[in-house]
Amino acid sequence: MSSRSRLLLASAAGMIALALAGCTAATAPESASGSAAPGARSVEHARGTADVPDQPERVVTLEPLELDTAVAVGITPVGAAVAGNVTELPSYLGASDVAPVGTVPEPDLEAIAALKPDLILGTESRHSELYEQLSAIAPTVFIASQADPWRENATLIGEALGREDEVAGLLTGVDEECARLKSEYALDGQTVQLIRPRDETTLSLYGPVSFAGSLLECVGFTIPDREWEDGLQADLSPENIASATADHVFVTAADVDDRSAIPGAVASAFPDATLVDTSTWVSGVGPKGAEAVLGDIERYLSASR
């Protein structure tokens, strides 16, 4: 074989080797373990898997539970969506310098992008159509639904934030406080209702899966059986309020000192009903909200002795 032939053969072999190497690289996983890139973690969530920063510093939350949980573990989000019926963050959180990014039902994508977040937390049931756009801005993690048990959702949020242990500790603290109240006040067998006036024609009762409902049952109360929507709530008209009879009745209001907030039908059926703060009992889902609700329950039980 001539020198020129040997050179051409060697060149061809080299090109084939390079091509094969390229194919191997294209089809190989990102790493032998399938893990995220250095400085990031893979988090499984409602839309699949997202690679999130080990220590996110610019978090945007689109759900009250996500906001509460972040603040509870010492992370103040750079931006947060607020509930549709308010214009600012709940005061019980004690959080400041958090930019508004629209409402929970309608987040503002431009406002989110302007904050240059490194992690976005949302909800599949509310924000499904926005996932691709949000993911283009920053790594995005979705809980499945705000209707799911709040402790499970808080656990996923803790994982996304890199604060699993802190969230687990907070949830353990909630359960320990429930156990203490249950033991001290012996509430087994006593029934309770939580009523939220919606408008002149609709009242909502909150069930065992709801945030406040789960805490009421956690301390030992029993919520009477009813046909609940997703275990969360059931609506009824003021004319049927008698069906909500219970040993203890709480009614949500923006101002707990304004008893005129109790609808007439409810006030007539339950003259001893106790007003509780909507911002914590309904909207304040999360470890800090739980602390506030359990504090209200203890004050009520102590005063009722």
Protein backbone atom coordinates (compact mmCIF):
# COMPACT_ATOMS: atom_id res chain seq x y z
CA MET A 1 0.00 0.00 0.00
CA SER A 2 1.33 3.42 -0.95
CA SER A 3 2.02 6.12 1.58
CA ARG A 4 -0.82 8.17 0.13
CA SER A 5 -3.27 5.25 0.50
CA ARG A 6 -2.21 4.64 4.09
CA LEU A 7 -2.75 8.35 4.86
CA LEU A 8 -6.23 8.35 3.36
CA LEU A 9 -7.16 5.20 5.29
CA ALA A 10 -5.93 6.68 8.57
CA SER A 11 -7.87 9.88 7.93
CA ALA A 12 -11.07 7.96 7.19
CA ALA A 13 -10.66 5.89 10.35
CA GLY A 14 -10.17 9.04 12.38
CA MET A 15 -13.34 10.61 10.97
CA ILE A 16 -15.37 7.50 11.76
CA ALA A 17 -14.03 7.45 15.30
CA LEU A 18 -14.99 11.10 15.78
CA ALA A 19 -18.46 10.47 14.38
CA LEU A 20 -19.00 7.53 16.71
CA ALA A 21 -17.79 9.56 19.67
CA GLY A 22 -20.21 12.33 18.75
CA CYS A 23 -23.11 9.88 18.59
CA THR A 24 -22.14 8.44 21.95
CA ALA A 25 -22.00 11.89 23.50
CA ALA A 26 -25.37 12.83 22.03
CA THR A 27 -27.10 9.77 23.41
CA ALA A 28 -25.33 9.51 26.76
CA PRO A 29 -27.07 10.80 29.93
CA GLU A 30 -25.91 14.10 31.39
CA SER A 31 -23.99 12.20 34.07
CA ALA A 32 -23.48 8.63 35.10
CA SER A 33 -25.89 9.09 37.99
CA GLY A 34 -28.42 11.16 36.03
CA SER A 35 -28.03 13.94 38.60
CA ALA A 36 -28.33 17.66 37.98
CA ALA A 37 -25.38 19.85 37.07
CA PRO A 38 -23.03 21.00 39.85
CA GLY A 39 -24.70 23.61 42.06
CA ALA A 40 -28.18 22.27 41.29
CA ARG A 41 -30.55 19.55 42.46
CA SER A 42 -33.20 17.56 40.59
CA VAL A 43 -36.67 17.93 42.12
CA GLU A 44 -39.62 15.81 41.02
CA HIS A 45 -42.86 17.75 40.96
CA ALA A 46 -46.29 17.90 39.34
CA ARG A 47 -44.87 18.60 35.87
CA GLY A 48 -41.91 16.25 35.90
CA THR A 49 -38.39 17.04 37.06
CA ALA A 50 -36.72 20.44 37.43
CA ASP A 51 -33.07 21.23 38.11
CA VAL A 52 -33.13 23.92 40.80
CA PRO A 53 -30.31 25.80 42.54
CA ASP A 54 -28.89 24.19 45.67
CA GLN A 55 -29.51 27.45 47.54
CA PRO A 56 -32.03 29.59 45.64
CA GLU A 57 -31.70 33.29 46.42
CA ARG A 58 -34.31 34.94 44.21
CA VAL A 59 -37.54 33.02 44.69
CA VAL A 60 -40.94 33.95 43.25
CA THR A 61 -44.04 32.31 44.76
CA LEU A 62 -47.45 32.06 43.10
CA GLU A 63 -49.36 30.32 45.92
CA PRO A 64 -49.97 31.42 49.54
CA LEU A 65 -48.61 28.13 50.90
CA GLU A 66 -45.36 28.64 48.97
CA LEU A 67 -44.98 32.17 50.30
CA ASP A 68 -45.73 31.14 53.90
CA THR A 69 -43.36 28.16 53.78
CA ALA A 70 -40.52 30.18 52.29
CA VAL A 71 -40.84 32.90 54.93
CA ALA A 72 -41.12 30.26 57.67
CA VAL A 73 -37.67 28.87 56.77
CA GLY A 74 -36.06 32.29 56.53
CA ILE A 75 -36.34 32.93 52.78
CA THR A 76 -38.01 36.17 51.77
CA PRO A 77 -39.17 35.84 48.15
CA VAL A 78 -38.27 38.65 45.77
CA GLY A 79 -41.80 38.44 44.37
CA ALA A 80 -45.15 36.88 45.23
CA ALA A 81 -48.61 36.68 43.74
CA VAL A 82 -51.35 37.82 46.12
CA ALA A 83 -54.83 36.44 46.64
CA GLY A 84 -57.36 37.79 44.19
CA ASN A 85 -59.30 39.71 46.83
CA VAL A 86 -56.36 41.62 48.41
CA THR A 87 -53.69 44.04 47.25
CA GLU A 88 -50.82 43.24 49.61
CA LEU A 89 -49.13 40.39 51.43
CA PRO A 90 -50.71 39.05 54.63
CA SER A 91 -49.45 41.05 57.60
CA TYR A 92 -49.07 37.95 59.79
CA LEU A 93 -46.01 36.93 57.75
CA GLY A 94 -44.04 40.00 58.79
CA ALA A 95 -42.41 40.01 55.34
CA SER A 96 -41.36 43.20 53.56
CA ASP A 97 -39.65 44.14 50.29
CA VAL A 98 -41.57 41.48 48.37
CA ALA A 99 -42.63 42.74 44.96
CA PRO A 100 -46.18 41.94 43.79
CA VAL A 101 -46.33 39.80 40.64
CA GLY A 102 -50.05 39.83 39.91
CA THR A 103 -52.65 37.69 41.62
CA VAL A 104 -52.68 33.98 42.38
CA PRO A 105 -55.21 33.32 39.59
CA GLU A 106 -53.41 35.65 37.13
CA PRO A 107 -49.64 36.00 37.68
CA ASP A 108 -47.87 38.81 35.81
CA LEU A 109 -45.19 37.18 33.64
CA GLU A 110 -43.45 40.45 32.80
CA ALA A 111 -43.19 41.39 36.47
CA ILE A 112 -41.82 37.92 37.27
CA ALA A 113 -39.19 38.08 34.52
CA ALA A 114 -38.11 41.57 35.59
CA LEU A 115 -37.14 40.19 39.02
CA LYS A 116 -34.67 37.73 37.46
CA PRO A 117 -35.68 34.84 39.75
CA ASP A 118 -33.61 31.70 40.12
CA LEU A 119 -36.63 29.63 41.24
CA ILE A 120 -40.38 29.93 40.61
CA LEU A 121 -42.94 28.03 42.70
CA GLY A 122 -46.45 27.56 41.30
CA THR A 123 -49.43 25.22 41.20
CA GLU A 124 -50.44 22.86 38.41
CA SER A 125 -54.17 23.26 39.00
CA ARG A 126 -53.91 27.04 38.76
CA HIS A 127 -50.95 27.75 36.49
CA SER A 128 -50.72 24.76 34.16
CA GLU A 129 -50.99 26.85 30.98
CA LEU A 130 -48.12 29.09 32.11
CA TYR A 131 -45.60 26.37 32.90
CA GLU A 132 -43.56 26.60 29.68
CA GLN A 133 -43.38 30.39 29.88
CA LEU A 134 -42.41 30.30 33.55
CA SER A 135 -39.78 27.62 32.93
CA ALA A 136 -38.25 29.82 30.24
CA ILE A 137 -37.73 32.49 32.91
CA ALA A 138 -36.31 30.26 35.66
CA PRO A 139 -36.44 26.68 37.00
CA THR A 140 -40.06 26.11 37.98
CA VAL A 141 -41.55 23.66 40.49
CA PHE A 142 -45.30 23.03 40.72
CA ILE A 143 -47.28 21.49 43.55
CA ALA A 144 -50.20 19.54 42.06
CA SER A 145 -53.12 21.37 43.66
CA GLN A 146 -53.90 23.73 46.50
CA ALA A 147 -56.62 21.23 47.41
CA ASP A 148 -54.06 18.58 48.40
CA PRO A 149 -53.11 18.15 52.08
CA TRP A 150 -51.07 21.20 52.96
CA ARG A 151 -48.38 19.31 54.87
CA GLU A 152 -47.51 17.26 51.76
CA ASN A 153 -47.32 20.38 49.64
CA ALA A 154 -45.14 22.12 52.22
CA THR A 155 -42.76 19.16 52.14
CA LEU A 156 -42.31 19.48 48.36
CA ILE A 157 -41.77 23.23 48.69
CA GLY A 158 -39.12 22.58 51.33
CA GLU A 159 -37.34 20.24 48.94
CA ALA A 160 -37.43 22.83 46.14
CA LEU A 161 -36.00 25.45 48.49
CA GLY A 162 -33.27 23.13 49.76
CA ARG A 163 -34.78 23.36 53.25
CA GLU A 164 -36.30 19.90 53.67
CA ASP A 165 -35.07 19.48 57.24
CA GLU A 166 -36.30 22.89 58.35
CA VAL A 167 -39.78 22.29 56.91
CA ALA A 168 -39.92 18.81 58.46
CA GLY A 169 -39.05 20.36 61.81
CA LEU A 170 -41.79 22.98 61.48
CA LEU A 171 -44.39 20.35 60.60
CA THR A 172 -43.30 18.25 63.57
CA GLY A 173 -43.73 21.35 65.73
CA VAL A 174 -47.29 21.80 64.45
CA ASP A 175 -48.16 18.20 65.27
CA GLU A 176 -46.60 18.48 68.73
CA GLU A 177 -48.60 21.63 69.47
CA CYS A 178 -51.77 19.87 68.30
CA ALA A 179 -51.02 16.95 70.60
CA ARG A 180 -50.44 19.28 73.54
CA LEU A 181 -53.75 21.08 73.02
CA LYS A 182 -55.58 17.80 72.49
CA SER A 183 -54.24 16.44 75.76
CA GLU A 184 -54.75 19.63 77.77
CA TYR A 185 -58.30 20.39 76.65
CA ALA A 186 -59.71 16.86 76.06
CA LEU A 187 -61.67 17.76 72.94
CA ASP A 188 -62.46 14.24 71.73
CA GLY A 189 -66.13 13.94 70.81
CA GLN A 190 -66.71 17.68 70.53
CA THR A 191 -67.89 18.89 67.13
CA VAL A 192 -66.86 22.05 65.33
CA GLN A 193 -67.77 24.05 62.24
CA LEU A 194 -65.79 26.70 60.40
CA ILE A 195 -68.06 28.99 58.36
CA ARG A 196 -66.93 31.50 55.76
CA PRO A 197 -69.55 34.00 54.54
CA ARG A 198 -69.11 34.40 50.78
CA ASP A 199 -71.98 36.73 49.91
CA GLU A 200 -75.62 37.23 50.84
CA THR A 201 -76.63 33.86 49.40
CA THR A 202 -73.66 31.58 50.06
CA LEU A 203 -71.86 30.27 53.13
CA SER A 204 -68.90 27.89 52.90
CA LEU A 205 -68.17 25.21 55.48
CA TYR A 206 -64.59 23.95 55.64
CA GLY A 207 -63.88 20.24 55.79
CA PRO A 208 -61.17 17.98 57.24
CA VAL A 209 -58.78 18.34 54.28
CA SER A 210 -58.87 22.13 54.34
CA PHE A 211 -56.04 23.96 56.07
CA ALA A 212 -57.94 25.20 59.14
CA GLY A 213 -60.20 22.13 59.16
CA SER A 214 -57.18 19.84 59.42
CA LEU A 215 -55.87 21.86 62.35
CA LEU A 216 -59.22 21.77 64.15
CA GLU A 217 -59.27 18.00 63.85
CA CYS A 218 -55.59 17.82 64.76
CA VAL A 219 -56.33 19.28 68.21
CA GLY A 220 -59.17 16.82 68.77
CA PHE A 221 -62.34 18.43 67.39
CA THR A 222 -64.55 16.48 65.00
CA ILE A 223 -66.02 18.10 61.90
CA PRO A 224 -69.44 16.52 61.22
CA ASP A 225 -69.68 14.41 58.08
CA ARG A 226 -70.87 16.15 54.96
CA GLU A 227 -70.48 15.79 51.20
CA TRP A 228 -67.29 17.80 50.74
CA GLU A 229 -65.90 19.06 47.46
CA ASP A 230 -62.40 17.50 47.37
CA GLY A 231 -62.66 17.22 51.14
CA LEU A 232 -62.18 20.97 51.34
CA GLN A 233 -65.50 22.72 51.60
CA ALA A 234 -69.25 22.59 51.09
CA ASP A 235 -71.51 25.53 50.24
CA LEU A 236 -74.96 26.09 51.64
CA SER A 237 -77.51 28.88 51.73
CA PRO A 238 -78.19 30.90 54.90
CA GLU A 239 -81.63 29.27 55.05
CA ASN A 240 -79.96 25.90 55.63
CA ILE A 241 -77.50 27.05 58.28
CA ALA A 242 -79.16 24.87 60.92
CA SER A 243 -77.59 21.86 59.21
CA ALA A 244 -74.22 23.19 60.39
CA THR A 245 -75.01 22.76 64.07
CA ALA A 246 -71.97 21.93 66.20
CA ASP A 247 -70.64 22.33 69.74
CA HIS A 248 -68.25 25.07 68.58
CA VAL A 249 -68.72 27.44 65.64
CA PHE A 250 -66.10 29.73 64.13
CA VAL A 251 -66.87 32.36 61.49
CA THR A 252 -64.20 34.00 59.35
CA ALA A 253 -63.99 37.77 58.97
CA ALA A 254 -61.51 40.44 57.92
CA ASP A 255 -62.00 42.18 61.29
CA VAL A 256 -62.46 39.85 64.25
CA ASP A 257 -63.74 42.72 66.39
CA ASP A 258 -66.64 43.50 64.04
CA ARG A 259 -69.49 41.16 64.94
CA SER A 260 -71.64 42.75 62.26
CA ALA A 261 -69.54 40.63 59.87
CA ILE A 262 -71.52 37.60 61.05
CA PRO A 263 -74.52 37.15 58.69
CA GLY A 264 -77.88 37.47 60.40
CA ALA A 265 -78.86 33.85 59.79
CA VAL A 266 -75.61 32.62 61.33
CA ALA A 267 -75.87 35.01 64.29
CA SER A 268 -79.43 33.83 64.98
CA ALA A 269 -78.54 30.14 64.76
CA PHE A 270 -75.24 30.46 66.65
CA PRO A 271 -75.26 33.52 68.94
CA ASP A 272 -72.00 32.41 70.55
CA ALA A 273 -70.11 32.00 67.26
CA THR A 274 -66.48 33.12 67.44
CA LEU A 275 -64.93 35.35 64.79
CA VAL A 276 -61.53 34.32 63.39
CA ASP A 277 -59.20 36.04 60.93
CA THR A 278 -59.71 35.13 57.26
CA SER A 279 -56.11 36.05 56.45
CA THR A 280 -54.80 33.17 58.57
CA TRP A 281 -57.64 30.64 58.84
CA VAL A 282 -58.36 30.65 55.10
CA SER A 283 -55.55 32.39 53.23
CA GLY A 284 -52.62 31.84 55.59
CA VAL A 285 -51.82 28.29 54.57
CA GLY A 286 -48.42 27.11 55.80
CA PRO A 287 -46.33 26.64 58.95
CA LYS A 288 -46.62 30.28 60.05
CA GLY A 289 -50.34 30.33 59.37
CA ALA A 290 -50.71 27.11 61.36
CA GLU A 291 -48.94 28.72 64.29
CA ALA A 292 -51.39 31.62 64.16
CA VAL A 293 -54.47 29.38 63.91
CA LEU A 294 -53.36 27.13 66.76
CA GLY A 295 -52.73 30.23 68.86
CA ASP A 296 -56.28 31.41 68.18
CA ILE A 297 -57.65 27.98 69.10
CA GLU A 298 -55.77 27.93 72.40
CA ARG A 299 -56.95 31.43 73.31
CA TYR A 300 -60.53 30.39 72.54
CA LEU A 301 -60.30 27.21 74.59
CA SER A 302 -58.65 28.98 77.50
CA ALA A 303 -61.36 31.66 77.56
CA SER A 304 -64.10 29.01 77.32
CA ARG A 305 -63.02 27.09 80.42
